[in-house]
């Protein structure tokens, strides 16, 4: 194994997390919040290196639809980044330098060259937890390896701390006054530089920890308050398996004949159900009764009351759905396409079922966060089970509009499926394509799958167009010709040859940059060590 500061610190923090992340190579399904540390950190680092405009553009592109919370984070980037950039002499500096040996890899955020041939190294931290980082061995290790590999003398070590603010909008405060208060708070924040004195003992400690990792045969859990920020918390503590295990390192043939997992949303009566009915060997799992005029097989998902003598027994719609999913996954049938119409109705059935089970009338009645969490963990695994069953799946939802206010006061209308954002983001991660059904003035009906900050949509494939006629056969023709999205690996920089240039604010960059976040081990977007 090639070690890094992040790997060793993960083992020190929790051996079980180290095992899941680096030995089992288990990945998690991301559900990013507007202030997600990894995303904001990436944007902050990109802004330091390339400029504010590329940083804001990249940050916005990480979300299907922007909300007021996203705009608040953009405001923070626009105020804090100039404060950091004023501290950097770009003509004397090199940003993002890789250090790599046969058994170690690391990345130095900033190297400043001095007149006498020495260098200073700094690391950016978007955090208020100054004391924690001043005790870290990270910079000491970087100095050790930088001098060993590049034969340069490191004169100074230090952290550049970018302060955070977590103020929230008060219930009695409108958005305008909150953002005025946010601007005032950000204006008072100061970026600080903290120097660190080199300590050889910290380097020795690092190598001792590597020895412990190499000798480890068991990886026990180490519950601490840091578990709340761990991506494996639900899997570790609750046994909820949202994990994706990597397959063998071998190419597989992409099957373009099997129908994709598709999520359609649009206005009522726009033709979504009719489109789904055109799929081969279709089974409709219908909640709103809107299958009277289609000829596909159907199961109506609804509450039923059964009489056992004089005793009434209620069979909840959610129970019927779970039993149906169980039967579908067993596979003793000839259906090829499963349609859920509507997803939001199904969520309501799940909520009512859980209310009865928990003896509550609303999620909030179950205690802080508990009710919401139990409904979510009841609902999402059943959807995931169906989308992973190997059939063509078409999820159908109605659309809703929402209004967000930009920093300049401009109001923008966003369009998205009729689901809460947490559910929508999770389901979008389960499907291949999210498309919106639109009706044009000439009554032409189309599926639009372009992703932008106004309209929820997109997918894992490049179609060469942003829409297709609302016809199942034409959609499948386009689907079979589509190509997977591909990423671009960026070239590494050399400390000897490369200098950081003052960025052009008009330059844009689509690939993920290194974030400046508290959980730095997960910030890098490079090939695995």
Protein backbone atom coordinates (compact mmCIF):
# COMPACT_ATOMS: atom_id res chain seq x y z
CA UNK A 1 0.00 0.00 0.00
CA UNK A 2 1.19 3.52 -0.77
CA UNK A 3 0.58 5.53 2.39
CA UNK A 4 -0.48 9.14 2.81
CA UNK A 5 -1.24 11.42 5.70
CA UNK A 6 -4.95 10.86 5.15
CA UNK A 7 -4.70 7.07 5.21
CA UNK A 8 -2.61 6.98 8.35
CA UNK A 9 -4.78 9.53 10.17
CA UNK A 10 -7.90 7.55 9.20
CA UNK A 11 -6.42 4.41 10.77
CA UNK A 12 -5.52 6.37 13.91
CA UNK A 13 -9.03 7.81 14.11
CA UNK A 14 -10.88 4.53 13.47
CA UNK A 15 -9.33 1.27 12.20
CA UNK A 16 -12.75 0.05 11.03
CA UNK A 17 -13.23 3.13 8.83
CA UNK A 18 -9.74 2.54 7.41
CA UNK A 19 -10.72 -1.03 6.54
CA UNK A 20 -13.95 0.03 4.81
CA UNK A 21 -12.38 2.87 2.85
CA UNK A 22 -8.96 1.55 1.86
CA UNK A 23 -9.02 -2.24 2.16
CA UNK A 24 -12.61 -3.09 1.20
CA UNK A 25 -12.76 -0.03 -1.09
CA UNK A 26 -16.42 0.58 -0.27
CA UNK A 27 -17.92 3.69 -1.82
CA UNK A 28 -20.93 5.62 -0.55
CA UNK A 29 -23.83 7.24 -2.38
CA UNK A 30 -23.44 10.96 -1.95
CA UNK A 31 -26.28 13.21 -0.86
CA UNK A 32 -24.61 16.63 -0.89
CA UNK A 33 -25.93 19.51 1.16
CA UNK A 34 -25.35 23.09 0.05
CA UNK A 35 -22.55 23.44 2.62
CA UNK A 36 -21.04 19.98 2.00
CA UNK A 37 -17.43 20.23 3.21
CA UNK A 38 -15.99 18.33 0.25
CA UNK A 39 -17.80 20.38 -2.41
CA UNK A 40 -17.22 23.76 -0.76
CA UNK A 41 -13.60 22.83 -0.11
CA UNK A 42 -13.09 21.89 -3.76
CA UNK A 43 -14.61 25.19 -4.84
CA UNK A 44 -12.48 27.14 -2.38
CA UNK A 45 -9.29 25.51 -3.61
CA UNK A 46 -10.25 26.07 -7.25
CA UNK A 47 -10.93 29.73 -6.49
CA UNK A 48 -7.49 30.15 -4.94
CA UNK A 49 -5.78 28.59 -7.92
CA UNK A 50 -7.97 29.59 -10.90
CA UNK A 51 -10.14 32.48 -9.80
CA UNK A 52 -13.56 33.18 -8.38
CA UNK A 53 -15.59 32.75 -11.58
CA UNK A 54 -14.45 29.15 -12.27
CA UNK A 55 -14.96 28.28 -8.61
CA UNK A 56 -18.55 29.52 -8.54
CA UNK A 57 -19.33 27.84 -11.86
CA UNK A 58 -17.91 24.51 -10.68
CA UNK A 59 -19.74 24.72 -7.33
CA UNK A 60 -23.06 25.46 -9.05
CA UNK A 61 -22.56 22.52 -11.39
CA UNK A 62 -22.46 20.05 -8.49
CA UNK A 63 -26.18 20.49 -7.81
CA UNK A 64 -29.17 19.60 -9.96
CA UNK A 65 -31.06 22.71 -8.89
CA UNK A 66 -29.76 25.65 -6.87
CA UNK A 67 -31.58 26.83 -3.76
CA UNK A 68 -31.22 29.89 -1.55
CA UNK A 69 -28.82 27.85 0.61
CA UNK A 70 -26.55 27.36 -2.41
CA UNK A 71 -26.61 31.09 -3.12
CA UNK A 72 -25.56 31.72 0.48
CA UNK A 73 -22.51 29.49 -0.01
CA UNK A 74 -21.66 31.27 -3.27
CA UNK A 75 -21.75 34.58 -1.39
CA UNK A 76 -19.23 33.14 1.09
CA UNK A 77 -16.94 32.10 -1.75
CA UNK A 78 -17.13 35.52 -3.39
CA UNK A 79 -16.26 37.34 -0.15
CA UNK A 80 -13.63 35.00 1.31
CA UNK A 81 -11.66 34.07 -1.82
CA UNK A 82 -10.33 37.61 -2.54
CA UNK A 83 -9.04 37.76 1.05
CA UNK A 84 -7.02 34.57 0.52
CA UNK A 85 -5.77 35.50 -2.94
CA UNK A 86 -4.39 38.84 -1.69
CA UNK A 87 -1.99 36.92 0.56
CA UNK A 88 -0.43 34.89 -2.29
CA UNK A 89 2.43 36.14 -4.46
CA UNK A 90 1.57 34.07 -7.52
CA UNK A 91 4.82 34.85 -9.37
CA UNK A 92 6.84 33.25 -6.56
CA UNK A 93 4.47 30.40 -5.77
CA UNK A 94 3.60 26.93 -6.98
CA UNK A 95 0.18 25.53 -6.17
CA UNK A 96 -0.86 21.91 -5.79
CA UNK A 97 2.46 20.04 -5.86
CA UNK A 98 2.49 16.24 -5.73
CA UNK A 99 5.04 14.35 -3.65
CA UNK A 100 5.24 10.69 -4.57
CA UNK A 101 7.52 7.77 -3.74
CA UNK A 102 7.06 4.01 -3.90
CA UNK A 103 5.38 4.03 -0.47
CA UNK A 104 4.05 7.60 0.01
CA UNK A 105 1.91 10.16 -1.79
CA UNK A 106 0.92 13.65 -0.71
CA UNK A 107 -0.08 17.05 -2.13
CA UNK A 108 1.24 20.40 -0.94
CA UNK A 109 -1.23 23.23 -1.43
CA UNK A 110 1.29 26.08 -1.72
CA UNK A 111 5.08 26.29 -2.10
CA UNK A 112 6.72 29.74 -1.98
CA UNK A 113 10.28 30.11 -3.28
CA UNK A 114 12.66 32.36 -1.33
CA UNK A 115 15.64 34.32 -2.65
CA UNK A 116 18.23 32.07 -1.05
CA UNK A 117 16.95 28.95 -2.77
CA UNK A 118 14.88 27.77 0.17
CA UNK A 119 11.12 27.28 0.08
CA UNK A 120 8.19 27.73 2.45
CA UNK A 121 5.26 25.32 2.37
CA UNK A 122 1.69 26.08 3.38
CA UNK A 123 -1.59 24.21 3.54
CA UNK A 124 -5.02 25.83 3.18
CA UNK A 125 -7.63 25.00 5.81
CA UNK A 126 -11.24 26.16 5.56
CA UNK A 127 -11.88 25.72 9.26
CA UNK A 128 -12.08 27.42 12.64
CA UNK A 129 -10.44 24.46 14.38
CA UNK A 130 -6.98 26.02 14.46
CA UNK A 131 -5.55 24.12 17.43
CA UNK A 132 -6.34 20.73 15.88
CA UNK A 133 -4.32 21.43 12.75
CA UNK A 134 -1.40 23.04 14.57
CA UNK A 135 -0.90 19.68 16.31
CA UNK A 136 -1.13 17.71 13.06
CA UNK A 137 1.93 15.94 11.65
CA UNK A 138 0.91 16.71 8.04
CA UNK A 139 3.31 19.58 7.26
CA UNK A 140 6.17 17.88 9.08
CA UNK A 141 5.78 14.84 6.84
CA UNK A 142 5.62 17.03 3.71
CA UNK A 143 8.87 18.78 4.70
CA UNK A 144 10.56 15.41 5.26
CA UNK A 145 9.61 14.03 1.85
CA UNK A 146 10.03 17.29 -0.08
CA UNK A 147 13.62 17.64 1.08
CA UNK A 148 14.26 13.94 0.45
CA UNK A 149 12.89 13.90 -3.12
CA UNK A 150 13.61 17.38 -4.51
CA UNK A 151 16.73 18.22 -2.47
CA UNK A 152 15.46 21.63 -1.45
CA UNK A 153 15.60 23.11 2.01
CA UNK A 154 12.25 23.96 3.60
CA UNK A 155 12.57 27.11 5.63
CA UNK A 156 9.06 27.61 7.05
CA UNK A 157 5.91 25.56 7.57
CA UNK A 158 2.49 27.06 8.03
CA UNK A 159 -1.28 26.89 7.62
CA UNK A 160 -3.45 29.51 5.97
CA UNK A 161 -6.74 29.40 7.85
CA UNK A 162 -9.87 30.55 6.02
CA UNK A 163 -12.51 31.25 8.68
CA UNK A 164 -15.97 29.74 8.54
CA UNK A 165 -19.29 31.21 9.51
CA UNK A 166 -22.34 29.07 10.14
CA UNK A 167 -24.95 31.69 10.89
CA UNK A 168 -28.48 30.66 9.94
CA UNK A 169 -31.54 32.59 8.89
CA UNK A 170 -33.77 33.28 11.87
CA UNK A 171 -37.45 32.44 11.75
CA UNK A 172 -38.26 36.13 12.26
CA UNK A 173 -35.80 37.22 9.56
CA UNK A 174 -36.48 37.51 5.84
CA UNK A 175 -33.90 36.52 3.26
CA UNK A 176 -32.86 40.09 2.47
CA UNK A 177 -32.01 40.95 6.07
CA UNK A 178 -30.29 37.62 6.62
CA UNK A 179 -28.00 38.18 3.66
CA UNK A 180 -27.18 41.67 4.87
CA UNK A 181 -26.18 40.14 8.20
CA UNK A 182 -24.20 37.43 6.37
CA UNK A 183 -22.27 40.06 4.38
CA UNK A 184 -21.48 41.98 7.56
CA UNK A 185 -20.25 38.82 9.26
CA UNK A 186 -18.10 37.80 6.30
CA UNK A 187 -16.63 41.29 6.06
CA UNK A 188 -15.33 41.02 9.62
CA UNK A 189 -13.67 37.63 9.13
CA UNK A 190 -9.90 37.60 8.65
CA UNK A 191 -7.74 35.02 6.90
CA UNK A 192 -4.81 34.14 9.18
CA UNK A 193 -1.41 32.52 8.68
CA UNK A 194 -0.12 30.28 11.47
CA UNK A 195 3.49 29.13 11.40
CA UNK A 196 4.47 25.67 12.64
CA UNK A 197 7.87 24.70 14.04
CA UNK A 198 9.23 21.48 12.52
CA UNK A 199 9.20 18.52 14.91
CA UNK A 200 11.06 15.35 13.90
CA UNK A 201 9.11 13.42 16.53
CA UNK A 202 5.94 13.86 14.49
CA UNK A 203 7.63 12.32 11.46
CA UNK A 204 8.83 9.40 13.59
CA UNK A 205 5.30 8.99 14.94
CA UNK A 206 3.97 8.84 11.40
CA UNK A 207 6.28 5.95 10.51
CA UNK A 208 5.34 4.17 13.74
CA UNK A 209 1.68 4.36 12.74
CA UNK A 210 2.54 2.90 9.33
CA UNK A 211 4.19 0.00 11.15
CA UNK A 212 1.00 -0.53 13.18
CA UNK A 213 -1.08 -0.58 9.98
CA UNK A 214 1.20 -3.15 8.38
CA UNK A 215 1.00 -5.37 11.44
CA UNK A 216 -2.78 -4.99 11.94
CA UNK A 217 -4.95 -8.08 11.59
CA UNK A 218 -8.09 -6.70 13.25
CA UNK A 219 -9.81 -3.39 12.64
CA UNK A 220 -12.06 -2.52 15.60
CA UNK A 221 -14.60 0.30 15.62
CA UNK A 222 -13.70 3.43 17.57
CA UNK A 223 -16.92 5.39 18.25
CA UNK A 224 -16.29 9.09 18.91
CA UNK A 225 -18.06 12.38 18.29
CA UNK A 226 -16.40 12.36 14.85
CA UNK A 227 -18.79 9.57 13.80
CA UNK A 228 -21.38 12.23 12.94
CA UNK A 229 -19.14 13.33 10.05
CA UNK A 230 -18.26 9.83 8.85
CA UNK A 231 -19.67 8.71 5.49
CA UNK A 232 -20.04 5.16 6.85
CA UNK A 233 -22.06 6.10 9.95
CA UNK A 234 -25.37 4.54 8.89
CA UNK A 235 -23.67 1.38 7.66
CA UNK A 236 -21.52 1.08 10.78
CA UNK A 237 -23.99 2.00 13.52
CA UNK A 238 -27.41 1.18 12.03
CA UNK A 239 -26.59 -1.65 9.64
CA UNK A 240 -28.11 0.23 6.72
CA UNK A 241 -26.36 -0.98 3.59
CA UNK A 242 -26.11 1.96 1.20
CA UNK A 243 -22.64 0.88 0.10
CA UNK A 244 -21.37 0.08 -3.38
CA UNK A 245 -18.53 -2.46 -3.52
CA UNK A 246 -16.15 -2.11 -6.45
CA UNK A 247 -16.20 -5.01 -8.95
CA UNK A 248 -13.17 -6.75 -10.43
CA UNK A 249 -10.90 -4.55 -12.52
CA UNK A 250 -12.14 -5.71 -15.89
CA UNK A 251 -14.16 -4.18 -18.72
CA UNK A 252 -17.80 -5.15 -19.14
CA UNK A 253 -19.98 -4.84 -22.21
CA UNK A 254 -22.56 -2.06 -21.91
CA UNK A 255 -26.01 -3.48 -22.66
CA UNK A 256 -27.90 -0.91 -24.73
CA UNK A 257 -30.80 -3.26 -25.48
CA UNK A 258 -32.06 -3.46 -21.92
CA UNK A 259 -34.23 -0.47 -21.10
CA UNK A 260 -32.61 2.04 -18.74
CA UNK A 261 -33.84 3.14 -15.33
CA UNK A 262 -35.61 6.38 -16.16
CA UNK A 263 -37.18 9.05 -13.96
CA UNK A 264 -39.73 11.23 -15.77
CA UNK A 265 -41.44 14.26 -14.31
CA UNK A 266 -43.73 16.90 -15.78
CA UNK A 267 -47.13 18.54 -15.61
CA UNK A 268 -50.27 16.40 -15.22
CA UNK A 269 -51.71 15.14 -18.54
CA UNK A 270 -48.42 15.70 -20.36
CA UNK A 271 -48.20 12.09 -21.58
CA UNK A 272 -45.85 10.47 -19.08
CA UNK A 273 -48.03 7.42 -18.41
CA UNK A 274 -48.77 6.95 -22.11
CA UNK A 275 -45.05 7.04 -22.86
CA UNK A 276 -44.35 4.41 -20.17
CA UNK A 277 -47.13 2.21 -21.52
CA UNK A 278 -45.28 1.97 -24.85
CA UNK A 279 -42.46 0.02 -23.18
CA UNK A 280 -42.37 -3.76 -23.80
CA UNK A 281 -44.03 -6.14 -21.29
CA UNK A 282 -44.93 -3.33 -18.96
CA UNK A 283 -46.34 -3.54 -15.42
CA UNK A 284 -47.81 -0.34 -13.94
CA UNK A 285 -47.65 0.09 -10.16
CA UNK A 286 -50.17 2.89 -10.03
CA UNK A 287 -51.16 5.11 -7.12
CA UNK A 288 -53.45 7.74 -8.65
CA UNK A 289 -55.76 5.60 -10.79
CA UNK A 290 -54.48 7.21 -13.98
CA UNK A 291 -54.27 3.95 -15.95
CA UNK A 292 -57.84 3.80 -17.26
CA UNK A 293 -56.83 4.63 -20.80
CA UNK A 294 -53.69 2.53 -21.18
CA UNK A 295 -53.67 -1.21 -21.83
CA UNK A 296 -50.62 -2.31 -19.84
CA UNK A 297 -50.93 -4.71 -16.92
CA UNK A 298 -51.41 -2.86 -13.67
CA UNK A 299 -51.52 -3.17 -9.89
CA UNK A 300 -53.30 -0.37 -8.04
CA UNK A 301 -51.32 0.57 -4.93
CA UNK A 302 -53.89 1.62 -2.33
CA UNK A 303 -55.04 0.99 1.22
CA UNK A 304 -57.43 -1.93 1.58
CA UNK A 305 -59.76 -2.88 4.40
CA UNK A 306 -60.46 -6.54 5.00
CA UNK A 307 -63.17 -7.92 7.26
CA UNK A 308 -62.38 -10.86 9.51
CA UNK A 309 -65.77 -11.44 11.05
CA UNK A 310 -66.58 -8.14 12.69
CA UNK A 311 -62.93 -7.10 12.93
CA UNK A 312 -61.60 -4.68 10.35
CA UNK A 313 -58.02 -5.10 9.25
CA UNK A 314 -56.25 -2.41 7.26
CA UNK A 315 -53.68 -3.46 4.72
CA UNK A 316 -51.67 -0.34 4.01
CA UNK A 317 -50.75 0.59 0.44
CA UNK A 318 -47.08 0.56 1.40
CA UNK A 319 -47.35 -3.04 2.56
CA UNK A 320 -48.86 -3.99 -0.79
CA UNK A 321 -46.05 -2.23 -2.61
CA UNK A 322 -43.36 -4.01 -0.60
CA UNK A 323 -44.96 -7.38 -1.29
CA UNK A 324 -45.14 -6.51 -4.99
CA UNK A 325 -41.46 -5.56 -5.09
CA UNK A 326 -40.61 -8.83 -3.36
CA UNK A 327 -42.52 -10.79 -5.99
CA UNK A 328 -40.98 -8.84 -8.86
CA UNK A 329 -37.45 -9.41 -7.57
CA UNK A 330 -38.03 -13.16 -7.24
CA UNK A 331 -38.37 -13.11 -11.01
CA UNK A 332 -41.04 -15.70 -11.73
CA UNK A 333 -42.79 -13.53 -14.35
CA UNK A 334 -42.25 -12.23 -17.86
CA UNK A 335 -42.48 -8.48 -17.25
CA UNK A 336 -39.54 -6.42 -18.59
CA UNK A 337 -40.49 -2.89 -17.58
CA UNK A 338 -41.81 -1.75 -14.20
CA UNK A 339 -43.51 1.64 -13.90
CA UNK A 340 -44.07 3.50 -10.61
CA UNK A 341 -46.72 6.14 -11.11
CA UNK A 342 -46.43 8.35 -8.94
CA UNK A 343 -43.30 8.31 -6.77
CA UNK A 344 -44.49 11.09 -4.45
CA UNK A 345 -47.76 9.25 -3.77
CA UNK A 346 -45.76 6.17 -2.87
CA UNK A 347 -43.73 8.23 -0.38
CA UNK A 348 -46.95 9.45 1.24
CA UNK A 349 -48.15 5.84 1.56
CA UNK A 350 -44.83 5.00 3.23
CA UNK A 351 -45.21 7.89 5.67
CA UNK A 352 -48.75 6.84 6.64
CA UNK A 353 -47.59 3.27 7.18
CA UNK A 354 -44.74 4.45 9.44
CA UNK A 355 -47.05 6.81 11.36
CA UNK A 356 -49.23 3.82 12.23
CA UNK A 357 -46.24 1.67 13.10
CA UNK A 358 -44.68 4.32 15.37
CA UNK A 359 -47.94 5.61 16.81
CA UNK A 360 -47.34 9.19 15.65
CA UNK A 361 -49.11 11.74 13.47
CA UNK A 362 -45.99 13.37 12.01
CA UNK A 363 -42.27 12.58 11.71
CA UNK A 364 -41.43 15.29 14.23
CA UNK A 365 -43.44 13.46 16.91
CA UNK A 366 -40.86 10.66 17.07
CA UNK A 367 -38.13 12.90 18.47
CA UNK A 368 -35.34 14.95 16.95
CA UNK A 369 -34.69 13.58 13.48
CA UNK A 370 -35.79 10.05 14.37
CA UNK A 371 -39.11 10.02 12.51
CA UNK A 372 -37.68 11.53 9.33
CA UNK A 373 -34.80 9.08 9.40
CA UNK A 374 -37.07 6.04 9.86
CA UNK A 375 -39.35 7.06 6.99
CA UNK A 376 -36.37 7.65 4.73
CA UNK A 377 -34.72 4.34 5.57
CA UNK A 378 -38.02 2.53 5.01
CA UNK A 379 -38.72 4.16 1.65
CA UNK A 380 -35.41 4.44 -0.21
CA UNK A 381 -34.19 0.82 0.11
CA UNK A 382 -37.37 -0.44 -1.57
CA UNK A 383 -36.89 1.94 -4.51
CA UNK A 384 -33.24 0.96 -4.71
CA UNK A 385 -34.11 -2.72 -4.62
CA UNK A 386 -36.42 -2.29 -7.59
CA UNK A 387 -33.98 -0.17 -9.64
CA UNK A 388 -31.24 -2.75 -9.03
CA UNK A 389 -33.40 -5.76 -9.94
CA UNK A 390 -32.25 -5.82 -13.58
CA UNK A 391 -35.48 -4.67 -15.24
CA UNK A 392 -36.29 -1.53 -17.15
CA UNK A 393 -37.80 0.87 -14.61
CA UNK A 394 -39.70 4.10 -15.26
CA UNK A 395 -40.39 6.33 -12.28
CA UNK A 396 -43.01 9.05 -12.80
CA UNK A 397 -43.53 12.26 -10.82
CA UNK A 398 -45.32 15.56 -11.20
CA UNK A 399 -43.26 18.74 -11.39
CA UNK A 400 -43.26 21.71 -9.01
CA UNK A 401 -41.77 25.16 -9.32
CA UNK A 402 -39.88 27.04 -6.63
CA UNK A 403 -38.45 30.52 -6.48
CA UNK A 404 -34.91 31.33 -5.32
CA UNK A 405 -33.38 34.76 -4.83
CA UNK A 406 -29.89 35.47 -6.13
CA UNK A 407 -27.43 37.72 -4.37
CA UNK A 408 -28.37 40.66 -6.60
CA UNK A 409 -32.03 40.23 -5.64
CA UNK A 410 -33.02 38.65 -8.93
CA UNK A 411 -35.66 35.98 -8.49
CA UNK A 412 -35.30 32.78 -10.50
CA UNK A 413 -37.90 30.04 -10.92
CA UNK A 414 -36.60 26.48 -10.65
CA UNK A 415 -38.39 23.35 -11.86
CA UNK A 416 -37.97 19.97 -10.21
CA UNK A 417 -39.85 16.78 -9.30
CA UNK A 418 -42.48 16.96 -6.58
CA UNK A 419 -40.23 15.46 -3.89
CA UNK A 420 -38.18 16.87 -1.05
CA UNK A 421 -34.60 17.56 -2.09
CA UNK A 422 -33.10 14.79 0.05
CA UNK A 423 -35.32 12.17 -1.58
CA UNK A 424 -34.86 13.66 -5.06
CA UNK A 425 -31.05 13.61 -4.83
CA UNK A 426 -31.03 10.01 -3.61
CA UNK A 427 -33.37 8.78 -6.33
CA UNK A 428 -31.45 10.70 -9.01
CA UNK A 429 -28.40 8.71 -7.94
CA UNK A 430 -30.26 5.43 -8.50
CA UNK A 431 -31.43 6.08 -12.06
CA UNK A 432 -29.64 6.36 -15.41
CA UNK A 433 -31.57 9.34 -16.75
CA UNK A 434 -33.74 12.09 -15.26
CA UNK A 435 -35.97 13.73 -17.85
CA UNK A 436 -38.60 16.45 -17.79
CA UNK A 437 -41.62 16.16 -20.09
CA UNK A 438 -42.41 19.50 -21.73
CA UNK A 439 -45.28 20.61 -23.98
CA UNK A 440 -44.45 23.21 -26.61
CA UNK A 441 -46.82 25.76 -28.13
CA UNK A 442 -47.61 23.53 -31.11
CA UNK A 443 -48.56 20.74 -28.64
CA UNK A 444 -45.31 18.93 -29.42
CA UNK A 445 -44.24 16.81 -26.49
CA UNK A 446 -40.61 16.19 -25.62
CA UNK A 447 -38.38 14.68 -22.97
CA UNK A 448 -35.71 17.17 -21.95
CA UNK A 449 -32.72 15.92 -19.99
CA UNK A 450 -30.41 18.89 -19.92
CA UNK A 451 -28.83 19.61 -16.52
CA UNK A 452 -28.65 23.20 -15.35
CA UNK A 453 -29.19 25.19 -12.17
CA UNK A 454 -32.81 25.95 -13.08
CA UNK A 455 -34.13 22.59 -14.24
CA UNK A 456 -33.62 19.24 -12.52
CA UNK A 457 -32.41 16.68 -15.04
CA UNK A 458 -29.48 14.92 -16.64
CA UNK A 459 -27.98 11.45 -16.63
CA UNK A 460 -24.94 9.28 -17.06
CA UNK A 461 -24.87 9.37 -20.88
CA UNK A 462 -24.02 11.91 -23.60
CA UNK A 463 -26.88 12.05 -26.09
CA UNK A 464 -25.59 14.79 -28.37
CA UNK A 465 -28.91 16.59 -27.89
CA UNK A 466 -30.81 17.89 -24.90
CA UNK A 467 -34.23 16.52 -25.83
CA UNK A 468 -36.06 13.76 -27.67
CA UNK A 469 -39.66 13.38 -28.81
CA UNK A 470 -42.00 11.82 -26.24
CA UNK A 471 -42.10 8.47 -27.98
CA UNK A 472 -40.66 5.33 -26.40
CA UNK A 473 -39.21 3.90 -29.62
CA UNK A 474 -37.50 7.18 -30.55
CA UNK A 475 -36.17 7.49 -27.03
CA UNK A 476 -34.67 3.99 -27.18
CA UNK A 477 -33.07 4.74 -30.57
CA UNK A 478 -31.33 7.73 -29.00
CA UNK A 479 -30.43 5.72 -25.90
CA UNK A 480 -28.71 2.99 -27.93
CA UNK A 481 -26.50 5.57 -29.65
CA UNK A 482 -25.59 7.42 -26.45
CA UNK A 483 -22.06 7.38 -25.04
CA UNK A 484 -21.02 7.34 -21.37
CA UNK A 485 -19.76 10.58 -19.89
CA UNK A 486 -15.96 10.61 -19.65
CA UNK A 487 -13.69 12.57 -17.36
CA UNK A 488 -10.38 14.27 -18.13
CA UNK A 489 -7.32 13.53 -16.05
CA UNK A 490 -5.31 16.64 -15.39
CA UNK A 491 -1.53 16.74 -15.75
CA UNK A 492 0.63 16.90 -12.61
CA UNK A 493 2.84 19.89 -11.86
CA UNK A 494 6.57 19.94 -11.14
CA UNK A 495 7.97 21.99 -8.31
CA UNK A 496 11.10 22.66 -10.32
CA UNK A 497 9.49 23.68 -13.62
CA UNK A 498 6.05 25.13 -12.79
CA UNK A 499 5.11 28.44 -11.23
CA UNK A 500 1.63 29.51 -10.24
CA UNK A 501 0.37 32.16 -12.56
CA UNK A 502 -2.06 34.84 -11.56
CA UNK A 503 -5.38 33.33 -12.73
CA UNK A 504 -7.59 34.83 -15.36
CA UNK A 505 -11.03 35.30 -13.83
CA UNK A 506 -12.67 34.32 -17.13
CA UNK A 507 -11.02 30.88 -17.24
CA UNK A 508 -13.29 27.94 -16.55
CA UNK A 509 -12.45 24.39 -15.57
CA UNK A 510 -14.79 21.41 -15.32
CA UNK A 511 -12.69 18.83 -13.55
CA UNK A 512 -12.73 18.51 -9.78
CA UNK A 513 -9.98 20.40 -7.94
CA UNK A 514 -8.57 19.69 -4.51
CA UNK A 515 -10.81 21.05 -1.79
CA UNK A 516 -9.76 22.98 1.28
CA UNK A 517 -11.99 21.21 3.76
CA UNK A 518 -11.63 19.91 7.29
CA UNK A 519 -11.84 16.31 6.13
CA UNK A 520 -8.87 16.70 3.81
CA UNK A 521 -8.18 12.97 3.29
CA UNK A 522 -11.26 12.72 1.05
CA UNK A 523 -10.62 15.91 -0.89
CA UNK A 524 -8.33 14.64 -3.63
CA UNK A 525 -9.70 13.68 -7.01
CA UNK A 526 -6.81 11.72 -8.41
CA UNK A 527 -5.87 8.18 -9.17
CA UNK A 528 -5.84 5.89 -6.14
CA UNK A 529 -2.56 5.34 -4.39
